[in-house]
Amino acid sequence: MEKVIMPIVVNVDVMLARRKMRLNTLAERVGITPQNLSILKTGRAKAIRFSTLELLCEVLECQPGDLLLFEKATTAAEEQKSPPEAVEEAC
């Protein structure tokens, strides 16, 4: 069974760095455990509540699109293969 890589990329770590904020501080202000925030940050979360997303955006002073990015879903096998480069021959 091939592992499918999640097409939603979570950029909480990027926003934390931009705001110079620690994960524990954000977790406390949002009202979730640092462990759950870490799961979200590393992309292992299966879902997020809109209320949590709202609080993250409020605390980080950002938009949902700053935290979430959609990338085409791929399998782990496809991820390891790189597509062949198109080579143009000079005439």
PDB file of N, CA and C in Angstrom:
ATOM      1  N   MET A   1       0.845  -1.179   0.000  1.00  0.00           N
ATOM      2  CA  MET A   1       0.000   0.000   0.000  1.00  0.00           C
ATOM      3  C   MET A   1       0.891   1.243   0.000  1.00  0.00           C
ATOM      4  N   GLU A   2       0.699   2.102  -0.993  1.00  0.00           N
ATOM      5  CA  GLU A   2       1.512   3.308  -1.085  1.00  0.00           C
ATOM      6  C   GLU A   2       0.975   4.395  -0.175  1.00  0.00           C
ATOM      7  N   LYS A   3       1.873   5.118   0.450  1.00  0.00           N
ATOM      8  CA  LYS A   3       1.492   6.215   1.330  1.00  0.00           C
ATOM      9  C   LYS A   3       1.215   7.452   0.480  1.00  0.00           C
ATOM     10  N   VAL A   4       0.045   8.045   0.667  1.00  0.00           N
ATOM     11  CA  VAL A   4      -0.317   9.253  -0.059  1.00  0.00           C
ATOM     12  C   VAL A   4       0.104  10.462   0.769  1.00  0.00           C
ATOM     13  N   ILE A   5       0.799  11.368   0.137  1.00  0.00           N
ATOM     14  CA  ILE A   5       1.247  12.582   0.817  1.00  0.00           C
ATOM     15  C   ILE A   5       0.122  13.602   0.788  1.00  0.00           C
ATOM     16  N   MET A   6      -0.161  14.203   1.945  1.00  0.00           N
ATOM     17  CA  MET A   6      -1.266  15.147   2.089  1.00  0.00           C
ATOM     18  C   MET A   6      -1.074  16.354   1.162  1.00  0.00           C
ATOM     19  N   PRO A   7      -2.117  16.711   0.384  1.00  0.00           N
ATOM     20  CA  PRO A   7      -1.987  17.844  -0.537  1.00  0.00           C
ATOM     21  C   PRO A   7      -2.090  19.207   0.143  1.00  0.00           C
ATOM     22  N   ILE A   8      -2.460  19.232   1.419  1.00  0.00           N
ATOM     23  CA  ILE A   8      -2.538  20.500   2.138  1.00  0.00           C
ATOM     24  C   ILE A   8      -1.258  20.669   2.956  1.00  0.00           C
ATOM     25  N   VAL A   9      -0.534  21.741   2.692  1.00  0.00           N
ATOM     26  CA  VAL A   9       0.699  22.039   3.414  1.00  0.00           C
ATOM     27  C   VAL A   9       0.377  23.077   4.477  1.00  0.00           C
ATOM     28  N   VAL A  10       0.791  22.812   5.701  1.00  0.00           N
ATOM     29  CA  VAL A  10       0.537  23.718   6.816  1.00  0.00           C
ATOM     30  C   VAL A  10       1.806  24.518   7.092  1.00  0.00           C
ATOM     31  N   ASN A  11       1.698  25.838   7.023  1.00  0.00           N
ATOM     32  CA  ASN A  11       2.852  26.719   7.186  1.00  0.00           C
ATOM     33  C   ASN A  11       2.862  27.450   8.526  1.00  0.00           C
ATOM     34  N   VAL A  12       2.448  26.764   9.586  1.00  0.00           N
ATOM     35  CA  VAL A  12       2.448  27.378  10.909  1.00  0.00           C
ATOM     36  C   VAL A  12       3.870  27.764  11.303  1.00  0.00           C
ATOM     37  N   ASP A  13       4.841  26.909  10.974  1.00  0.00           N
ATOM     38  CA  ASP A  13       6.227  27.205  11.334  1.00  0.00           C
ATOM     39  C   ASP A  13       6.737  28.475  10.670  1.00  0.00           C
ATOM     40  N   VAL A  14       6.302  28.726   9.436  1.00  0.00           N
ATOM     41  CA  VAL A  14       6.700  29.941   8.720  1.00  0.00           C
ATOM     42  C   VAL A  14       6.151  31.175   9.429  1.00  0.00           C
ATOM     43  N   MET A  15       4.869  31.105   9.807  1.00  0.00           N
ATOM     44  CA  MET A  15       4.262  32.250  10.483  1.00  0.00           C
ATOM     45  C   MET A  15       4.840  32.448  11.879  1.00  0.00           C
ATOM     46  N   LEU A  16       5.174  31.354  12.560  1.00  0.00           N
ATOM     47  CA  LEU A  16       5.813  31.476  13.870  1.00  0.00           C
ATOM     48  C   LEU A  16       7.148  32.210  13.736  1.00  0.00           C
ATOM     49  N   ALA A  17       7.906  31.864  12.728  1.00  0.00           N
ATOM     50  CA  ALA A  17       9.201  32.518  12.508  1.00  0.00           C
ATOM     51  C   ALA A  17       9.013  33.995  12.165  1.00  0.00           C
ATOM     52  N   ARG A  18       8.041  34.300  11.310  1.00  0.00           N
ATOM     53  CA  ARG A  18       7.790  35.701  10.935  1.00  0.00           C
ATOM     54  C   ARG A  18       7.372  36.543  12.131  1.00  0.00           C
ATOM     55  N   ARG A  19       6.631  35.935  13.043  1.00  0.00           N
ATOM     56  CA  ARG A  19       6.139  36.657  14.217  1.00  0.00           C
ATOM     57  C   ARG A  19       7.089  36.545  15.410  1.00  0.00           C
ATOM     58  N   LYS A  20       8.198  35.803  15.209  1.00  0.00           N
ATOM     59  CA  LYS A  20       9.179  35.589  16.278  1.00  0.00           C
ATOM     60  C   LYS A  20       8.491  35.075  17.553  1.00  0.00           C
ATOM     61  N   MET A  21       7.662  34.045  17.341  1.00  0.00           N
ATOM     62  CA  MET A  21       6.873  33.483  18.431  1.00  0.00           C
ATOM     63  C   MET A  21       7.219  32.005  18.596  1.00  0.00           C
ATOM     64  N   ARG A  22       7.215  31.538  19.816  1.00  0.00           N
ATOM     65  CA  ARG A  22       7.489  30.131  20.095  1.00  0.00           C
ATOM     66  C   ARG A  22       6.199  29.326  20.008  1.00  0.00           C
ATOM     67  N   LEU A  23       6.359  28.047  19.697  1.00  0.00           N
ATOM     68  CA  LEU A  23       5.221  27.148  19.565  1.00  0.00           C
ATOM     69  C   LEU A  23       4.411  27.094  20.852  1.00  0.00           C
ATOM     70  N   ASN A  24       5.080  27.021  21.988  1.00  0.00           N
ATOM     71  CA  ASN A  24       4.367  26.947  23.273  1.00  0.00           C
ATOM     72  C   ASN A  24       3.557  28.215  23.541  1.00  0.00           C
ATOM     73  N   THR A  25       4.089  29.354  23.158  1.00  0.00           N
ATOM     74  CA  THR A  25       3.375  30.621  23.329  1.00  0.00           C
ATOM     75  C   THR A  25       2.113  30.637  22.477  1.00  0.00           C
ATOM     76  N   LEU A  26       2.241  30.223  21.213  1.00  0.00           N
ATOM     77  CA  LEU A  26       1.085  30.177  20.316  1.00  0.00           C
ATOM     78  C   LEU A  26       0.040  29.201  20.844  1.00  0.00           C
ATOM     79  N   ALA A  27       0.483  28.034  21.282  1.00  0.00           N
ATOM     80  CA  ALA A  27      -0.454  27.029  21.808  1.00  0.00           C
ATOM     81  C   ALA A  27      -1.235  27.596  22.988  1.00  0.00           C
ATOM     82  N   GLU A  28      -0.539  28.275  23.879  1.00  0.00           N
ATOM     83  CA  GLU A  28      -1.199  28.865  25.052  1.00  0.00           C
ATOM     84  C   GLU A  28      -2.216  29.923  24.644  1.00  0.00           C
ATOM     85  N   ARG A  29      -1.840  30.791  23.718  1.00  0.00           N
ATOM     86  CA  ARG A  29      -2.747  31.874  23.293  1.00  0.00           C
ATOM     87  C   ARG A  29      -3.958  31.360  22.526  1.00  0.00           C
ATOM     88  N   VAL A  30      -3.772  30.251  21.776  1.00  0.00           N
ATOM     89  CA  VAL A  30      -4.871  29.682  20.995  1.00  0.00           C
ATOM     90  C   VAL A  30      -5.747  28.774  21.859  1.00  0.00           C
ATOM     91  N   GLY A  31      -5.138  28.189  22.894  1.00  0.00           N
ATOM     92  CA  GLY A  31      -5.903  27.322  23.778  1.00  0.00           C
ATOM     93  C   GLY A  31      -5.875  25.865  23.363  1.00  0.00           C
ATOM     94  N   ILE A  32      -4.795  25.433  22.700  1.00  0.00           N
ATOM     95  CA  ILE A  32      -4.623  24.021  22.371  1.00  0.00           C
ATOM     96  C   ILE A  32      -3.294  23.547  22.966  1.00  0.00           C
ATOM     97  N   THR A  33      -3.133  22.250  23.044  1.00  0.00           N
ATOM     98  CA  THR A  33      -1.904  21.724  23.628  1.00  0.00           C
ATOM     99  C   THR A  33      -0.737  21.908  22.656  1.00  0.00           C
ATOM    100  N   PRO A  34       0.463  22.080  23.168  1.00  0.00           N
ATOM    101  CA  PRO A  34       1.634  22.154  22.299  1.00  0.00           C
ATOM    102  C   PRO A  34       1.778  20.894  21.435  1.00  0.00           C
ATOM    103  N   GLN A  35       1.377  19.744  21.968  1.00  0.00           N
ATOM    104  CA  GLN A  35       1.453  18.500  21.204  1.00  0.00           C
ATOM    105  C   GLN A  35       0.544  18.548  19.984  1.00  0.00           C
ATOM    106  N   ASN A  36      -0.694  19.029  20.164  1.00  0.00           N
ATOM    107  CA  ASN A  36      -1.619  19.126  19.034  1.00  0.00           C
ATOM    108  C   ASN A  36      -1.157  20.166  18.026  1.00  0.00           C
ATOM    109  N   LEU A  37      -0.596  21.255  18.502  1.00  0.00           N
ATOM    110  CA  LEU A  37      -0.073  22.275  17.590  1.00  0.00           C
ATOM    111  C   LEU A  37       1.124  21.724  16.818  1.00  0.00           C
ATOM    112  N   SER A  38       1.944  20.925  17.476  1.00  0.00           N
ATOM    113  CA  SER A  38       3.087  20.299  16.819  1.00  0.00           C
ATOM    114  C   SER A  38       2.636  19.336  15.723  1.00  0.00           C
ATOM    115  N   ILE A  39       1.590  18.577  15.986  1.00  0.00           N
ATOM    116  CA  ILE A  39       1.020  17.663  14.982  1.00  0.00           C
ATOM    117  C   ILE A  39       0.540  18.460  13.774  1.00  0.00           C
ATOM    118  N   LEU A  40      -0.117  19.573  14.020  1.00  0.00           N
ATOM    119  CA  LEU A  40      -0.580  20.436  12.938  1.00  0.00           C
ATOM    120  C   LEU A  40       0.607  21.014  12.165  1.00  0.00           C
ATOM    121  N   LYS A  41       1.588  21.501  12.897  1.00  0.00           N
ATOM    122  CA  LYS A  41       2.764  22.141  12.296  1.00  0.00           C
ATOM    123  C   LYS A  41       3.557  21.193  11.402  1.00  0.00           C
ATOM    124  N   THR A  42       3.643  19.927  11.795  1.00  0.00           N
ATOM    125  CA  THR A  42       4.434  18.966  11.028  1.00  0.00           C
ATOM    126  C   THR A  42       3.642  18.315   9.896  1.00  0.00           C
ATOM    127  N   GLY A  43       2.380  18.703   9.723  1.00  0.00           N
ATOM    128  CA  GLY A  43       1.588  18.176   8.617  1.00  0.00           C
ATOM    129  C   GLY A  43       0.990  16.809   8.873  1.00  0.00           C
ATOM    130  N   ARG A  44       0.988  16.352  10.119  1.00  0.00           N
ATOM    131  CA  ARG A  44       0.436  15.034  10.439  1.00  0.00           C
ATOM    132  C   ARG A  44      -1.032  15.096  10.836  1.00  0.00           C
ATOM    133  N   ALA A  45      -1.600  16.290  10.942  1.00  0.00           N
ATOM    134  CA  ALA A  45      -3.011  16.427  11.328  1.00  0.00           C
ATOM    135  C   ALA A  45      -3.910  16.021  10.164  1.00  0.00           C
ATOM    136  N   LYS A  46      -5.007  15.390  10.495  1.00  0.00           N
ATOM    137  CA  LYS A  46      -5.982  14.975   9.480  1.00  0.00           C
ATOM    138  C   LYS A  46      -7.061  16.030   9.269  1.00  0.00           C
ATOM    139  N   ALA A  47      -7.232  16.926  10.246  1.00  0.00           N
ATOM    140  CA  ALA A  47      -8.286  17.938  10.166  1.00  0.00           C
ATOM    141  C   ALA A  47      -7.941  19.097  11.096  1.00  0.00           C
ATOM    142  N   ILE A  48      -8.623  20.206  10.875  1.00  0.00           N
ATOM    143  CA  ILE A  48      -8.505  21.357  11.773  1.00  0.00           C
ATOM    144  C   ILE A  48      -9.885  21.994  11.862  1.00  0.00           C
ATOM    145  N   ARG A  49     -10.283  22.367  13.040  1.00  0.00           N
ATOM    146  CA  ARG A  49     -11.570  23.045  13.224  1.00  0.00           C
ATOM    147  C   ARG A  49     -11.448  24.489  12.746  1.00  0.00           C
ATOM    148  N   PHE A  50     -12.518  24.985  12.188  1.00  0.00           N
ATOM    149  CA  PHE A  50     -12.520  26.389  11.763  1.00  0.00           C
ATOM    150  C   PHE A  50     -12.290  27.317  12.945  1.00  0.00           C
ATOM    151  N   SER A  51     -12.794  26.947  14.102  1.00  0.00           N
ATOM    152  CA  SER A  51     -12.590  27.792  15.284  1.00  0.00           C
ATOM    153  C   SER A  51     -11.106  27.856  15.655  1.00  0.00           C
ATOM    154  N   THR A  52     -10.388  26.739  15.500  1.00  0.00           N
ATOM    155  CA  THR A  52      -8.951  26.732  15.766  1.00  0.00           C
ATOM    156  C   THR A  52      -8.216  27.547  14.721  1.00  0.00           C
ATOM    157  N   LEU A  53      -8.594  27.384  13.453  1.00  0.00           N
ATOM    158  CA  LEU A  53      -7.988  28.163  12.374  1.00  0.00           C
ATOM    159  C   LEU A  53      -8.222  29.652  12.593  1.00  0.00           C
ATOM    160  N   GLU A  54      -9.414  30.004  13.021  1.00  0.00           N
ATOM    161  CA  GLU A  54      -9.742  31.405  13.312  1.00  0.00           C
ATOM    162  C   GLU A  54      -8.830  31.963  14.404  1.00  0.00           C
ATOM    163  N   LEU A  55      -8.653  31.202  15.484  1.00  0.00           N
ATOM    164  CA  LEU A  55      -7.800  31.664  16.581  1.00  0.00           C
ATOM    165  C   LEU A  55      -6.333  31.755  16.157  1.00  0.00           C
ATOM    166  N   LEU A  56      -5.875  30.787  15.364  1.00  0.00           N
ATOM    167  CA  LEU A  56      -4.501  30.852  14.857  1.00  0.00           C
ATOM    168  C   LEU A  56      -4.294  32.124  14.041  1.00  0.00           C
ATOM    169  N   CYS A  57      -5.252  32.418  13.173  1.00  0.00           N
ATOM    170  CA  CYS A  57      -5.164  33.624  12.344  1.00  0.00           C
ATOM    171  C   CYS A  57      -5.209  34.896  13.189  1.00  0.00           C
ATOM    172  N   GLU A  58      -6.046  34.888  14.201  1.00  0.00           N
ATOM    173  CA  GLU A  58      -6.163  36.049  15.076  1.00  0.00           C
ATOM    174  C   GLU A  58      -4.864  36.302  15.833  1.00  0.00           C
ATOM    175  N   VAL A  59      -4.312  35.255  16.432  1.00  0.00           N
ATOM    176  CA  VAL A  59      -3.088  35.396  17.226  1.00  0.00           C
ATOM    177  C   VAL A  59      -1.888  35.731  16.335  1.00  0.00           C
ATOM    178  N   LEU A  60      -1.793  35.082  15.169  1.00  0.00           N
ATOM    179  CA  LEU A  60      -0.654  35.308  14.274  1.00  0.00           C
ATOM    180  C   LEU A  60      -0.853  36.505  13.343  1.00  0.00           C
ATOM    181  N   GLU A  61      -2.041  37.122  13.437  1.00  0.00           N
ATOM    182  CA  GLU A  61      -2.380  38.271  12.590  1.00  0.00           C
ATOM    183  C   GLU A  61      -2.126  37.963  11.118  1.00  0.00           C
ATOM    184  N   CYS A  62      -2.827  36.911  10.649  1.00  0.00           N
ATOM    185  CA  CYS A  62      -2.661  36.482   9.264  1.00  0.00           C
ATOM    186  C   CYS A  62      -3.998  35.993   8.709  1.00  0.00           C
ATOM    187  N   GLN A  63      -3.979  35.560   7.474  1.00  0.00           N
ATOM    188  CA  GLN A  63      -5.146  35.009   6.803  1.00  0.00           C
ATOM    189  C   GLN A  63      -4.984  33.489   6.710  1.00  0.00           C
ATOM    190  N   PRO A  64      -6.100  32.739   6.566  1.00  0.00           N
ATOM    191  CA  PRO A  64      -5.993  31.282   6.433  1.00  0.00           C
ATOM    192  C   PRO A  64      -5.042  30.853   5.309  1.00  0.00           C
ATOM    193  N   GLY A  65      -5.022  31.605   4.232  1.00  0.00           N
ATOM    194  CA  GLY A  65      -4.129  31.295   3.112  1.00  0.00           C
ATOM    195  C   GLY A  65      -2.657  31.450   3.454  1.00  0.00           C
ATOM    196  N   ASP A  66      -2.358  32.185   4.517  1.00  0.00           N
ATOM    197  CA  ASP A  66      -0.970  32.296   4.976  1.00  0.00           C
ATOM    198  C   ASP A  66      -0.537  31.024   5.701  1.00  0.00           C
ATOM    199  N   LEU A  67      -1.504  30.296   6.242  1.00  0.00           N
ATOM    200  CA  LEU A  67      -1.208  29.088   7.013  1.00  0.00           C
ATOM    201  C   LEU A  67      -1.366  27.810   6.208  1.00  0.00           C
ATOM    202  N   LEU A  68      -2.257  27.814   5.221  1.00  0.00           N
ATOM    203  CA  LEU A  68      -2.560  26.607   4.460  1.00  0.00           C
ATOM    204  C   LEU A  68      -2.280  26.811   2.988  1.00  0.00           C
ATOM    205  N   LEU A  69      -1.693  25.791   2.375  1.00  0.00           N
ATOM    206  CA  LEU A  69      -1.354  25.828   0.954  1.00  0.00           C
ATOM    207  C   LEU A  69      -1.754  24.501   0.340  1.00  0.00           C
ATOM    208  N   PHE A  70      -2.369  24.530  -0.836  1.00  0.00           N
ATOM    209  CA  PHE A  70      -2.754  23.300  -1.524  1.00  0.00           C
ATOM    210  C   PHE A  70      -1.707  22.961  -2.577  1.00  0.00           C
ATOM    211  N   GLU A  71      -1.211  21.725  -2.517  1.00  0.00           N
ATOM    212  CA  GLU A  71      -0.316  21.201  -3.540  1.00  0.00           C
ATOM    213  C   GLU A  71      -0.904  19.890  -4.032  1.00  0.00           C
ATOM    214  N   LYS A  72      -0.724  19.623  -5.303  1.00  0.00           N
ATOM    215  CA  LYS A  72      -1.265  18.404  -5.888  1.00  0.00           C
ATOM    216  C   LYS A  72      -0.812  17.183  -5.096  1.00  0.00           C
ATOM    217  N   ALA A  73      -1.757  16.284  -4.826  1.00  0.00           N
ATOM    218  CA  ALA A  73      -1.458  15.069  -4.067  1.00  0.00           C
ATOM    219  C   ALA A  73      -0.545  14.159  -4.878  1.00  0.00           C
ATOM    220  N   THR A  74       0.433  13.575  -4.198  1.00  0.00           N
ATOM    221  CA  THR A  74       1.335  12.610  -4.825  1.00  0.00           C
ATOM    222  C   THR A  74       1.508  11.435  -3.879  1.00  0.00           C
ATOM    223  N   THR A  75       2.000  10.338  -4.415  1.00  0.00           N
ATOM    224  CA  THR A  75       2.328   9.204  -3.551  1.00  0.00           C
ATOM    225  C   THR A  75       3.798   9.300  -3.192  1.00  0.00           C
ATOM    226  N   ALA A  76       4.204   8.579  -2.189  1.00  0.00           N
ATOM    227  CA  ALA A  76       5.603   8.598  -1.765  1.00  0.00           C
ATOM    228  C   ALA A  76       6.504   8.129  -2.900  1.00  0.00           C
ATOM    229  N   ALA A  77       6.052   7.151  -3.690  1.00  0.00           N
ATOM    230  CA  ALA A  77       6.850   6.653  -4.814  1.00  0.00           C
ATOM    231  C   ALA A  77       7.033   7.734  -5.874  1.00  0.00           C
ATOM    232  N   GLU A  78       5.960   8.497  -6.153  1.00  0.00           N
ATOM    233  CA  GLU A  78       6.053   9.581  -7.131  1.00  0.00           C
ATOM    234  C   GLU A  78       6.969  10.683  -6.635  1.00  0.00           C
ATOM    235  N   GLU A  79       6.967  10.906  -5.328  1.00  0.00           N
ATOM    236  CA  GLU A  79       7.793  11.943  -4.721  1.00  0.00           C
ATOM    237  C   GLU A  79       9.275  11.655  -4.942  1.00  0.00           C
ATOM    238  N   GLN A  80       9.646  10.365  -4.896  1.00  0.00           N
ATOM    239  CA  GLN A  80      11.040   9.986  -5.046  1.00  0.00           C
ATOM    240  C   GLN A  80      11.503  10.055  -6.488  1.00  0.00           C
ATOM    241  N   LYS A  81      10.589   9.853  -7.425  1.00  0.00           N
ATOM    242  CA  LYS A  81      10.943   9.924  -8.842  1.00  0.00           C
ATOM    243  C   LYS A  81      10.939  11.375  -9.283  1.00  0.00           C
ATOM    244  N   SER A  82      11.925  11.764 -10.011  1.00  0.00           N
ATOM    245  CA  SER A  82      11.907  13.110 -10.566  1.00  0.00           C
ATOM    246  C   SER A  82      11.544  13.000 -12.034  1.00  0.00           C
ATOM    247  N   PRO A  83      10.701  13.899 -12.529  1.00  0.00           N
ATOM    248  CA  PRO A  83      10.288  13.814 -13.931  1.00  0.00           C
ATOM    249  C   PRO A  83      11.481  14.078 -14.844  1.00  0.00           C
ATOM    250  N   PRO A  84      11.510  13.400 -16.004  1.00  0.00           N
ATOM    251  CA  PRO A  84      12.626  13.631 -16.934  1.00  0.00           C
ATOM    252  C   PRO A  84      12.613  15.061 -17.428  1.00  0.00           C
ATOM    253  N   GLU A  85      13.778  15.620 -17.508  1.00  0.00           N
ATOM    254  CA  GLU A  85      13.920  17.000 -17.984  1.00  0.00           C
ATOM    255  C   GLU A  85      13.731  17.020 -19.500  1.00  0.00           C
ATOM    256  N   ALA A  86      13.037  18.004 -19.974  1.00  0.00           N
ATOM    257  CA  ALA A  86      12.884  18.170 -21.422  1.00  0.00           C
ATOM    258  C   ALA A  86      14.168  18.794 -21.951  1.00  0.00           C
ATOM    259  N   VAL A  87      14.720  18.143 -22.937  1.00  0.00           N
ATOM    260  CA  VAL A  87      15.969  18.638 -23.522  1.00  0.00           C
ATOM    261  C   VAL A  87      15.690  19.052 -24.945  1.00  0.00           C
ATOM    262  N   GLU A  88      16.023  20.260 -25.252  1.00  0.00           N
ATOM    263  CA  GLU A  88      15.852  20.757 -26.614  1.00  0.00           C
ATOM    264  C   GLU A  88      17.198  20.667 -27.304  1.00  0.00           C
ATOM    265  N   GLU A  89      17.168  20.116 -28.531  1.00  0.00           N
ATOM    266  CA  GLU A  89      18.397  20.010 -29.280  1.00  0.00           C
ATOM    267  C   GLU A  89      18.586  21.263 -30.126  1.00  0.00           C
ATOM    268  N   ALA A  90      19.793  21.746 -30.146  1.00  0.00           N
ATOM    269  CA  ALA A  90      20.110  22.915 -30.970  1.00  0.00           C
ATOM    270  C   ALA A  90      20.321  22.441 -32.402  1.00  0.00           C
ATOM    271  N   CYS A  91      19.714  23.157 -33.339  1.00  0.00           N
ATOM    272  CA  CYS A  91      19.849  22.786 -34.747  1.00  0.00           C
ATOM    273  C   CYS A  91      20.927  23.596 -35.408  1.00  0.00           C
TER     274      CYS A  91
END
